[in-house]
PDB file of N, CA and C in Angstrom:
ATOM      1  N   MET A   1     -76.572  54.957 185.273  1.00  0.00           N
ATOM      2  CA  MET A   1     -75.144  54.663 184.907  1.00  0.00           C
ATOM      3  C   MET A   1     -75.056  53.092 184.571  1.00  0.00           C
ATOM      4  N   SER A   2     -75.705  52.216 185.490  1.00  0.00           N
ATOM      5  CA  SER A   2     -75.645  50.932 185.195  1.00  0.00           C
ATOM      6  C   SER A   2     -76.270  50.385 183.884  1.00  0.00           C
ATOM      7  N   ARG A   3     -77.312  51.188 183.448  1.00  0.00           N
ATOM      8  CA  ARG A   3     -77.965  50.856 182.137  1.00  0.00           C
ATOM      9  C   ARG A   3     -76.994  51.156 181.106  1.00  0.00           C
ATOM     10  N   LEU A   4     -76.197  52.150 181.175  1.00  0.00           N
ATOM     11  CA  LEU A   4     -75.298  52.482 180.043  1.00  0.00           C
ATOM     12  C   LEU A   4     -74.214  51.381 179.892  1.00  0.00           C
ATOM     13  N   PHE A   5     -73.765  50.846 181.041  1.00  0.00           N
ATOM     14  CA  PHE A   5     -72.705  49.684 181.195  1.00  0.00           C
ATOM     15  C   PHE A   5     -73.382  48.578 180.479  1.00  0.00           C
ATOM     16  N   VAL A   6     -74.623  48.105 181.006  1.00  0.00           N
ATOM     17  CA  VAL A   6     -75.164  46.915 180.408  1.00  0.00           C
ATOM     18  C   VAL A   6     -75.490  47.208 178.765  1.00  0.00           C
ATOM     19  N   PHE A   7     -75.829  48.313 178.416  1.00  0.00           N
ATOM     20  CA  PHE A   7     -76.066  48.612 176.958  1.00  0.00           C
ATOM     21  C   PHE A   7     -74.670  48.412 176.278  1.00  0.00           C
ATOM     22  N   GLY A   8     -73.628  48.886 176.723  1.00  0.00           N
ATOM     23  CA  GLY A   8     -72.301  48.801 176.102  1.00  0.00           C
ATOM     24  C   GLY A   8     -71.880  47.351 176.005  1.00  0.00           C
ATOM     25  N   VAL A   9     -72.137  46.566 177.040  1.00  0.00           N
ATOM     26  CA  VAL A   9     -71.799  45.156 177.072  1.00  0.00           C
ATOM     27  C   VAL A   9     -72.466  44.391 175.911  1.00  0.00           C
ATOM     28  N   ILE A  10     -73.807  44.646 175.859  1.00  0.00           N
ATOM     29  CA  ILE A  10     -74.685  44.017 174.847  1.00  0.00           C
ATOM     30  C   ILE A  10     -74.115  44.441 173.416  1.00  0.00           C
ATOM     31  N   ILE A  11     -73.787  45.649 173.083  1.00  0.00           N
ATOM     32  CA  ILE A  11     -73.300  46.127 171.847  1.00  0.00           C
ATOM     33  C   ILE A  11     -71.870  45.362 171.590  1.00  0.00           C
ATOM     34  N   TRP A  12     -71.094  45.230 172.687  1.00  0.00           N
ATOM     35  CA  TRP A  12     -69.802  44.556 172.414  1.00  0.00           C
ATOM     36  C   TRP A  12     -70.013  43.150 172.052  1.00  0.00           C
ATOM     37  N   LEU A  13     -70.949  42.443 172.822  1.00  0.00           N
ATOM     38  CA  LEU A  13     -71.169  41.058 172.589  1.00  0.00           C
ATOM     39  C   LEU A  13     -71.842  40.827 171.071  1.00  0.00           C
ATOM     40  N   ALA A  14     -72.637  41.722 170.693  1.00  0.00           N
ATOM     41  CA  ALA A  14     -73.277  41.769 169.328  1.00  0.00           C
ATOM     42  C   ALA A  14     -72.219  41.785 168.297  1.00  0.00           C
ATOM     43  N   TYR A  15     -71.283  42.720 168.501  1.00  0.00           N
ATOM     44  CA  TYR A  15     -70.201  42.914 167.647  1.00  0.00           C
ATOM     45  C   TYR A  15     -69.376  41.716 167.380  1.00  0.00           C
ATOM     46  N   PHE A  16     -69.058  41.024 168.403  1.00  0.00           N
ATOM     47  CA  PHE A  16     -68.202  39.823 168.253  1.00  0.00           C
ATOM     48  C   PHE A  16     -69.019  38.639 167.656  1.00  0.00           C
ATOM     49  N   VAL A  17     -70.183  38.478 168.027  1.00  0.00           N
ATOM     50  CA  VAL A  17     -71.048  37.484 167.299  1.00  0.00           C
ATOM     51  C   VAL A  17     -71.246  37.707 165.941  1.00  0.00           C
ATOM     52  N   ALA A  18     -71.423  38.955 165.524  1.00  0.00           N
ATOM     53  CA  ALA A  18     -71.528  39.314 164.112  1.00  0.00           C
ATOM     54  C   ALA A  18     -70.289  39.134 163.426  1.00  0.00           C
ATOM     55  N   LYS A  19     -69.061  39.333 164.006  1.00  0.00           N
ATOM     56  CA  LYS A  19     -67.850  39.241 163.429  1.00  0.00           C
ATOM     57  C   LYS A  19     -67.577  37.633 163.232  1.00  0.00           C
ATOM     58  N   SER A  20     -67.889  36.861 164.130  1.00  0.00           N
ATOM     59  CA  SER A  20     -67.612  35.507 163.964  1.00  0.00           C
ATOM     60  C   SER A  20     -68.584  34.792 163.004  1.00  0.00           C
ATOM     61  N   VAL A  21     -69.803  35.288 162.862  1.00  0.00           N
ATOM     62  CA  VAL A  21     -70.835  34.785 161.872  1.00  0.00           C
ATOM     63  C   VAL A  21     -70.275  35.226 160.550  1.00  0.00           C
ATOM     64  N   TRP A  22     -69.868  36.423 160.302  1.00  0.00           N
ATOM     65  CA  TRP A  22     -69.317  36.980 159.020  1.00  0.00           C
ATOM     66  C   TRP A  22     -68.117  35.987 158.620  1.00  0.00           C
ATOM     67  N   LYS A  23     -67.193  35.757 159.565  1.00  0.00           N
ATOM     68  CA  LYS A  23     -66.049  34.881 159.244  1.00  0.00           C
ATOM     69  C   LYS A  23     -66.483  33.617 158.671  1.00  0.00           C
ATOM     70  N   SER A  24     -67.404  32.964 159.296  1.00  0.00           N
ATOM     71  CA  SER A  24     -67.888  31.594 158.948  1.00  0.00           C
ATOM     72  C   SER A  24     -68.668  31.509 157.615  1.00  0.00           C
ATOM     73  N   LEU A  25     -69.337  32.756 157.293  1.00  0.00           N
ATOM     74  CA  LEU A  25     -70.010  32.826 156.013  1.00  0.00           C
ATOM     75  C   LEU A  25     -69.223  33.153 154.926  1.00  0.00           C
ATOM     76  N   SER A  26     -68.043  33.851 155.150  1.00  0.00           N
ATOM     77  CA  SER A  26     -67.148  34.186 154.145  1.00  0.00           C
ATOM     78  C   SER A  26     -66.304  33.104 153.620  1.00  0.00           C
ATOM     79  N   GLY A  27     -66.200  31.992 154.234  1.00  0.00           N
ATOM     80  CA  GLY A  27     -65.441  30.817 153.895  1.00  0.00           C
ATOM     81  C   GLY A  27     -63.968  30.950 154.210  1.00  0.00           C
ATOM     82  N   PRO A  28     -63.087  30.000 153.767  1.00  0.00           N
ATOM     83  CA  PRO A  28     -61.743  30.134 153.948  1.00  0.00           C
ATOM     84  C   PRO A  28     -61.003  31.280 153.370  1.00  0.00           C
ATOM     85  N   SER A  29     -60.009  31.775 153.960  1.00  0.00           N
ATOM     86  CA  SER A  29     -59.276  32.997 153.628  1.00  0.00           C
ATOM     87  C   SER A  29     -58.563  32.808 152.266  1.00  0.00           C
ATOM     88  N   SER A  30     -58.103  31.646 152.029  1.00  0.00           N
ATOM     89  CA  SER A  30     -57.421  31.293 150.783  1.00  0.00           C
ATOM     90  C   SER A  30     -57.819  29.971 150.234  1.00  0.00           C
ATOM     91  N   PRO A  31     -57.831  29.823 148.862  1.00  0.00           N
ATOM     92  CA  PRO A  31     -58.239  28.633 148.351  1.00  0.00           C
ATOM     93  C   PRO A  31     -57.334  27.438 148.692  1.00  0.00           C
ATOM     94  N   PRO A  32     -57.907  26.225 148.581  1.00  0.00           N
ATOM     95  CA  PRO A  32     -56.961  25.064 148.846  1.00  0.00           C
ATOM     96  C   PRO A  32     -55.856  24.997 147.948  1.00  0.00           C
ATOM     97  N   GLY A  33     -54.676  24.501 148.500  1.00  0.00           N
ATOM     98  CA  GLY A  33     -53.466  24.470 147.613  1.00  0.00           C
ATOM     99  C   GLY A  33     -52.703  25.692 147.497  1.00  0.00           C
ATOM    100  N   GLN A  34     -53.077  26.786 148.010  1.00  0.00           N
ATOM    101  CA  GLN A  34     -52.300  27.966 148.072  1.00  0.00           C
ATOM    102  C   GLN A  34     -52.002  28.300 149.500  1.00  0.00           C
ATOM    103  N   ALA A  35     -51.115  29.389 149.643  1.00  0.00           N
ATOM    104  CA  ALA A  35     -50.675  29.580 150.941  1.00  0.00           C
ATOM    105  C   ALA A  35     -51.691  29.725 151.982  1.00  0.00           C
ATOM    106  N   GLY A  36     -51.761  28.867 153.054  1.00  0.00           N
ATOM    107  CA  GLY A  36     -52.667  29.106 154.142  1.00  0.00           C
ATOM    108  C   GLY A  36     -53.871  28.061 153.879  1.00  0.00           C
ATOM    109  N   GLY A  37     -54.051  27.612 152.786  1.00  0.00           N
ATOM    110  CA  GLY A  37     -55.177  26.647 152.577  1.00  0.00           C
ATOM    111  C   GLY A  37     -54.698  25.103 152.694  1.00  0.00           C
ATOM    112  N   PRO A  38     -55.625  24.287 152.930  1.00  0.00           N
ATOM    113  CA  PRO A  38     -55.219  22.830 153.070  1.00  0.00           C
ATOM    114  C   PRO A  38     -54.959  22.331 151.703  1.00  0.00           C
ATOM    115  N   ALA A  39     -53.969  21.493 151.608  1.00  0.00           N
ATOM    116  CA  ALA A  39     -53.607  20.883 150.283  1.00  0.00           C
ATOM    117  C   ALA A  39     -53.871  19.461 150.458  1.00  0.00           C
ATOM    118  N   THR A  40     -54.452  18.832 149.385  1.00  0.00           N
ATOM    119  CA  THR A  40     -54.624  17.313 149.413  1.00  0.00           C
ATOM    120  C   THR A  40     -53.915  16.894 148.175  1.00  0.00           C
ATOM    121  N   ASP A  41     -53.731  15.612 148.259  1.00  0.00           N
ATOM    122  CA  ASP A  41     -52.963  14.800 147.047  1.00  0.00           C
ATOM    123  C   ASP A  41     -54.035  14.705 145.855  1.00  0.00           C
ATOM    124  N   ALA A  42     -55.169  14.720 146.074  1.00  0.00           N
ATOM    125  CA  ALA A  42     -56.246  14.487 145.050  1.00  0.00           C
ATOM    126  C   ALA A  42     -56.768  15.713 144.571  1.00  0.00           C
ATOM    127  N   GLU A  43     -56.215  16.892 144.858  1.00  0.00           N
ATOM    128  CA  GLU A  43     -56.645  18.012 144.274  1.00  0.00           C
ATOM    129  C   GLU A  43     -56.291  18.368 142.880  1.00  0.00           C
ATOM    130  N   LEU A  44     -57.198  19.061 142.226  1.00  0.00           N
ATOM    131  CA  LEU A  44     -56.721  19.615 140.863  1.00  0.00           C
ATOM    132  C   LEU A  44     -56.055  20.915 140.982  1.00  0.00           C
ATOM    133  N   ILE A  45     -55.003  21.212 140.337  1.00  0.00           N
ATOM    134  CA  ILE A  45     -54.352  22.352 140.308  1.00  0.00           C
ATOM    135  C   ILE A  45     -54.026  22.903 138.900  1.00  0.00           C
ATOM    136  N   ARG A  46     -53.914  24.129 138.737  1.00  0.00           N
ATOM    137  CA  ARG A  46     -53.646  24.655 137.340  1.00  0.00           C
ATOM    138  C   ARG A  46     -52.291  24.931 137.072  1.00  0.00           C
ATOM    139  N   ASP A  47     -51.811  24.463 135.852  1.00  0.00           N
ATOM    140  CA  ASP A  47     -50.495  24.793 135.341  1.00  0.00           C
ATOM    141  C   ASP A  47     -50.423  26.251 134.968  1.00  0.00           C
ATOM    142  N   PRO A  48     -49.378  26.949 135.469  1.00  0.00           N
ATOM    143  CA  PRO A  48     -49.321  28.349 135.161  1.00  0.00           C
ATOM    144  C   PRO A  48     -48.803  28.702 133.844  1.00  0.00           C
ATOM    145  N   GLN A  49     -48.219  27.598 133.109  1.00  0.00           N
ATOM    146  CA  GLN A  49     -47.752  27.866 131.742  1.00  0.00           C
ATOM    147  C   GLN A  49     -48.804  27.650 130.662  1.00  0.00           C
ATOM    148  N   CYS A  50     -49.484  26.564 130.712  1.00  0.00           N
ATOM    149  CA  CYS A  50     -50.482  26.161 129.605  1.00  0.00           C
ATOM    150  C   CYS A  50     -51.929  26.275 130.074  1.00  0.00           C
ATOM    151  N   GLY A  51     -52.136  26.255 131.451  1.00  0.00           N
ATOM    152  CA  GLY A  51     -53.540  26.517 131.955  1.00  0.00           C
ATOM    153  C   GLY A  51     -54.264  25.244 132.168  1.00  0.00           C
ATOM    154  N   ALA A  52     -53.613  24.241 131.907  1.00  0.00           N
ATOM    155  CA  ALA A  52     -54.290  22.768 131.990  1.00  0.00           C
ATOM    156  C   ALA A  52     -54.414  22.521 133.500  1.00  0.00           C
ATOM    157  N   TYR A  53     -55.534  21.807 133.795  1.00  0.00           N
ATOM    158  CA  TYR A  53     -55.804  21.284 135.234  1.00  0.00           C
ATOM    159  C   TYR A  53     -55.244  19.853 135.282  1.00  0.00           C
ATOM    160  N   PHE A  54     -54.583  19.544 136.357  1.00  0.00           N
ATOM    161  CA  PHE A  54     -54.044  18.169 136.596  1.00  0.00           C
ATOM    162  C   PHE A  54     -54.106  17.827 138.051  1.00  0.00           C
ATOM    163  N   LEU A  55     -53.911  16.527 138.358  1.00  0.00           N
ATOM    164  CA  LEU A  55     -53.773  16.104 139.837  1.00  0.00           C
ATOM    165  C   LEU A  55     -52.416  16.496 140.323  1.00  0.00           C
ATOM    166  N   ARG A  56     -52.350  17.044 141.547  1.00  0.00           N
ATOM    167  CA  ARG A  56     -51.026  17.382 142.125  1.00  0.00           C
ATOM    168  C   ARG A  56     -50.014  16.188 142.082  1.00  0.00           C
ATOM    169  N   THR A  57     -50.615  15.031 142.285  1.00  0.00           N
ATOM    170  CA  THR A  57     -49.625  13.926 142.434  1.00  0.00           C
ATOM    171  C   THR A  57     -49.014  13.516 141.108  1.00  0.00           C
ATOM    172  N   LYS A  58     -49.779  13.902 139.985  1.00  0.00           N
ATOM    173  CA  LYS A  58     -49.282  13.508 138.592  1.00  0.00           C
ATOM    174  C   LYS A  58     -48.369  14.703 137.937  1.00  0.00           C
ATOM    175  N   GLY A  59     -48.256  15.700 138.645  1.00  0.00           N
ATOM    176  CA  GLY A  59     -47.611  16.849 138.029  1.00  0.00           C
ATOM    177  C   GLY A  59     -46.054  16.804 138.345  1.00  0.00           C
ATOM    178  N   VAL A  60     -45.406  17.854 137.913  1.00  0.00           N
ATOM    179  CA  VAL A  60     -43.938  18.034 138.042  1.00  0.00           C
ATOM    180  C   VAL A  60     -43.766  19.180 138.987  1.00  0.00           C
ATOM    181  N   LYS A  61     -43.017  19.035 140.019  1.00  0.00           N
ATOM    182  CA  LYS A  61     -42.768  20.169 141.101  1.00  0.00           C
ATOM    183  C   LYS A  61     -41.502  20.809 140.664  1.00  0.00           C
ATOM    184  N   GLY A  62     -41.596  22.133 140.607  1.00  0.00           N
ATOM    185  CA  GLY A  62     -40.350  22.987 140.183  1.00  0.00           C
ATOM    186  C   GLY A  62     -40.243  24.152 141.140  1.00  0.00           C
ATOM    187  N   VAL A  63     -39.068  24.640 141.361  1.00  0.00           N
ATOM    188  CA  VAL A  63     -38.883  25.734 142.178  1.00  0.00           C
ATOM    189  C   VAL A  63     -38.306  26.858 141.198  1.00  0.00           C
ATOM    190  N   VAL A  64     -39.051  27.952 141.162  1.00  0.00           N
ATOM    191  CA  VAL A  64     -38.849  29.167 140.387  1.00  0.00           C
ATOM    192  C   VAL A  64     -38.867  30.328 141.285  1.00  0.00           C
ATOM    193  N   GLU A  65     -37.638  31.084 141.387  1.00  0.00           N
ATOM    194  CA  GLU A  65     -37.345  32.242 142.125  1.00  0.00           C
ATOM    195  C   GLU A  65     -37.804  31.930 143.588  1.00  0.00           C
ATOM    196  N   GLY A  66     -37.366  30.710 144.100  1.00  0.00           N
ATOM    197  CA  GLY A  66     -37.721  30.429 145.466  1.00  0.00           C
ATOM    198  C   GLY A  66     -39.060  29.965 145.822  1.00  0.00           C
ATOM    199  N   LYS A  67     -39.963  29.874 144.924  1.00  0.00           N
ATOM    200  CA  LYS A  67     -41.361  29.365 145.101  1.00  0.00           C
ATOM    201  C   LYS A  67     -41.519  28.011 144.539  1.00  0.00           C
ATOM    202  N   VAL A  68     -42.246  27.088 145.182  1.00  0.00           N
ATOM    203  CA  VAL A  68     -42.549  25.841 144.589  1.00  0.00           C
ATOM    204  C   VAL A  68     -43.719  25.985 143.698  1.00  0.00           C
ATOM    205  N   ILE A  69     -43.657  25.597 142.541  1.00  0.00           N
ATOM    206  CA  ILE A  69     -44.743  25.666 141.539  1.00  0.00           C
ATOM    207  C   ILE A  69     -44.929  24.334 140.973  1.00  0.00           C
ATOM    208  N   HIS A  70     -46.151  23.776 140.628  1.00  0.00           N
ATOM    209  CA  HIS A  70     -46.480  22.615 140.053  1.00  0.00           C
ATOM    210  C   HIS A  70     -46.829  22.774 138.615  1.00  0.00           C
ATOM    211  N   PHE A  71     -46.286  21.939 137.824  1.00  0.00           N
ATOM    212  CA  PHE A  71     -46.560  21.920 136.330  1.00  0.00           C
ATOM    213  C   PHE A  71     -47.100  20.651 135.911  1.00  0.00           C
ATOM    214  N   CYS A  72     -47.802  20.664 134.753  1.00  0.00           N
ATOM    215  CA  CYS A  72     -48.466  19.412 134.276  1.00  0.00           C
ATOM    216  C   CYS A  72     -47.364  18.501 133.635  1.00  0.00           C
ATOM    217  N   SER A  73     -46.270  19.081 133.215  1.00  0.00           N
ATOM    218  CA  SER A  73     -45.341  18.160 132.486  1.00  0.00           C
ATOM    219  C   SER A  73     -43.915  18.871 132.523  1.00  0.00           C
ATOM    220  N   GLU A  74     -43.006  18.149 132.205  1.00  0.00           N
ATOM    221  CA  GLU A  74     -41.539  18.812 132.033  1.00  0.00           C
ATOM    222  C   GLU A  74     -41.367  19.773 130.982  1.00  0.00           C
ATOM    223  N   LYS A  75     -42.239  19.611 129.916  1.00  0.00           N
ATOM    224  CA  LYS A  75     -42.239  20.563 128.828  1.00  0.00           C
ATOM    225  C   LYS A  75     -42.732  21.903 129.281  1.00  0.00           C
ATOM    226  N   CYS A  76     -43.738  21.944 129.996  1.00  0.00           N
ATOM    227  CA  CYS A  76     -44.405  23.277 130.578  1.00  0.00           C
ATOM    228  C   CYS A  76     -43.392  23.820 131.530  1.00  0.00           C
ATOM    229  N   TYR A  77     -42.816  22.938 132.420  1.00  0.00           N
ATOM    230  CA  TYR A  77     -41.846  23.425 133.252  1.00  0.00           C
ATOM    231  C   TYR A  77     -40.640  24.280 132.666  1.00  0.00           C
ATOM    232  N   ASP A  78     -40.076  23.528 131.574  1.00  0.00           N
ATOM    233  CA  ASP A  78     -38.907  24.144 130.851  1.00  0.00           C
ATOM    234  C   ASP A  78     -39.417  25.420 130.174  1.00  0.00           C
ATOM    235  N   GLN A  79     -40.609  25.441 129.451  1.00  0.00           N
ATOM    236  CA  GLN A  79     -41.121  26.615 128.885  1.00  0.00           C
ATOM    237  C   GLN A  79     -41.340  27.853 129.866  1.00  0.00           C
ATOM    238  N   TYR A  80     -41.850  27.432 130.979  1.00  0.00           N
ATOM    239  CA  TYR A  80     -42.037  28.584 132.067  1.00  0.00           C
ATOM    240  C   TYR A  80     -40.721  29.139 132.407  1.00  0.00           C
ATOM    241  N   LEU A  81     -39.642  28.259 132.719  1.00  0.00           N
ATOM    242  CA  LEU A  81     -38.352  28.805 133.004  1.00  0.00           C
ATOM    243  C   LEU A  81     -37.759  29.650 131.941  1.00  0.00           C
ATOM    244  N   LYS A  82     -37.981  29.284 130.652  1.00  0.00           N
ATOM    245  CA  LYS A  82     -37.491  30.145 129.565  1.00  0.00           C
ATOM    246  C   LYS A  82     -38.160  31.528 129.620  1.00  0.00           C
ATOM    247  N   LYS A  83     -39.472  31.401 129.866  1.00  0.00           N
ATOM    248  CA  LYS A  83     -40.175  32.760 129.895  1.00  0.00           C
ATOM    249  C   LYS A  83     -39.862  33.665 131.021  1.00  0.00           C
ATOM    250  N   VAL A  84     -39.501  32.982 132.136  1.00  0.00           N
ATOM    251  CA  VAL A  84     -39.089  33.755 133.327  1.00  0.00           C
ATOM    252  C   VAL A  84     -37.746  34.377 133.130  1.00  0.00           C
ATOM    253  N   LYS A  85     -36.935  33.610 132.527  1.00  0.00           N
ATOM    254  CA  LYS A  85     -35.500  34.121 132.214  1.00  0.00           C
ATOM    255  C   LYS A  85     -35.421  35.012 131.086  1.00  0.00           C
ATOM    256  N   GLY A  86     -36.511  35.144 130.355  1.00  0.00           N
ATOM    257  CA  GLY A  86     -36.601  36.205 129.169  1.00  0.00           C
ATOM    258  C   GLY A  86     -36.039  35.557 127.895  1.00  0.00           C
ATOM    259  N   GLU A  87     -35.971  34.324 127.763  1.00  0.00           N
ATOM    260  CA  GLU A  87     -35.382  33.598 126.604  1.00  0.00           C
ATOM    261  C   GLU A  87     -36.454  33.585 125.531  1.00  0.00           C
ATOM    262  N   GLU A  88     -37.643  33.754 125.732  1.00  0.00           N
ATOM    263  CA  GLU A  88     -38.708  33.684 124.731  1.00  0.00           C
ATOM    264  C   GLU A  88     -39.234  34.934 124.369  1.00  0.00           C
TER     265      GLU A  88
END
């Protein structure tokens, strides 16, 4: 009976060790700059309108449908708003 208990404890420990190793190897759960990930001022982010990459600090911050979205310029922000509203 005690051998079964010890064997069960060993399996339980191996499971949690394997789980923690898997988490560390799979990397962060979300990319930087998105929900849950660390955001830095010097990171490159992608404009959802034109697809250009730019520094977060150089971009234009806009709120669309309650979400904060960064754009490379006012022009892209305006075009995105028109597209969301269905004007284009």
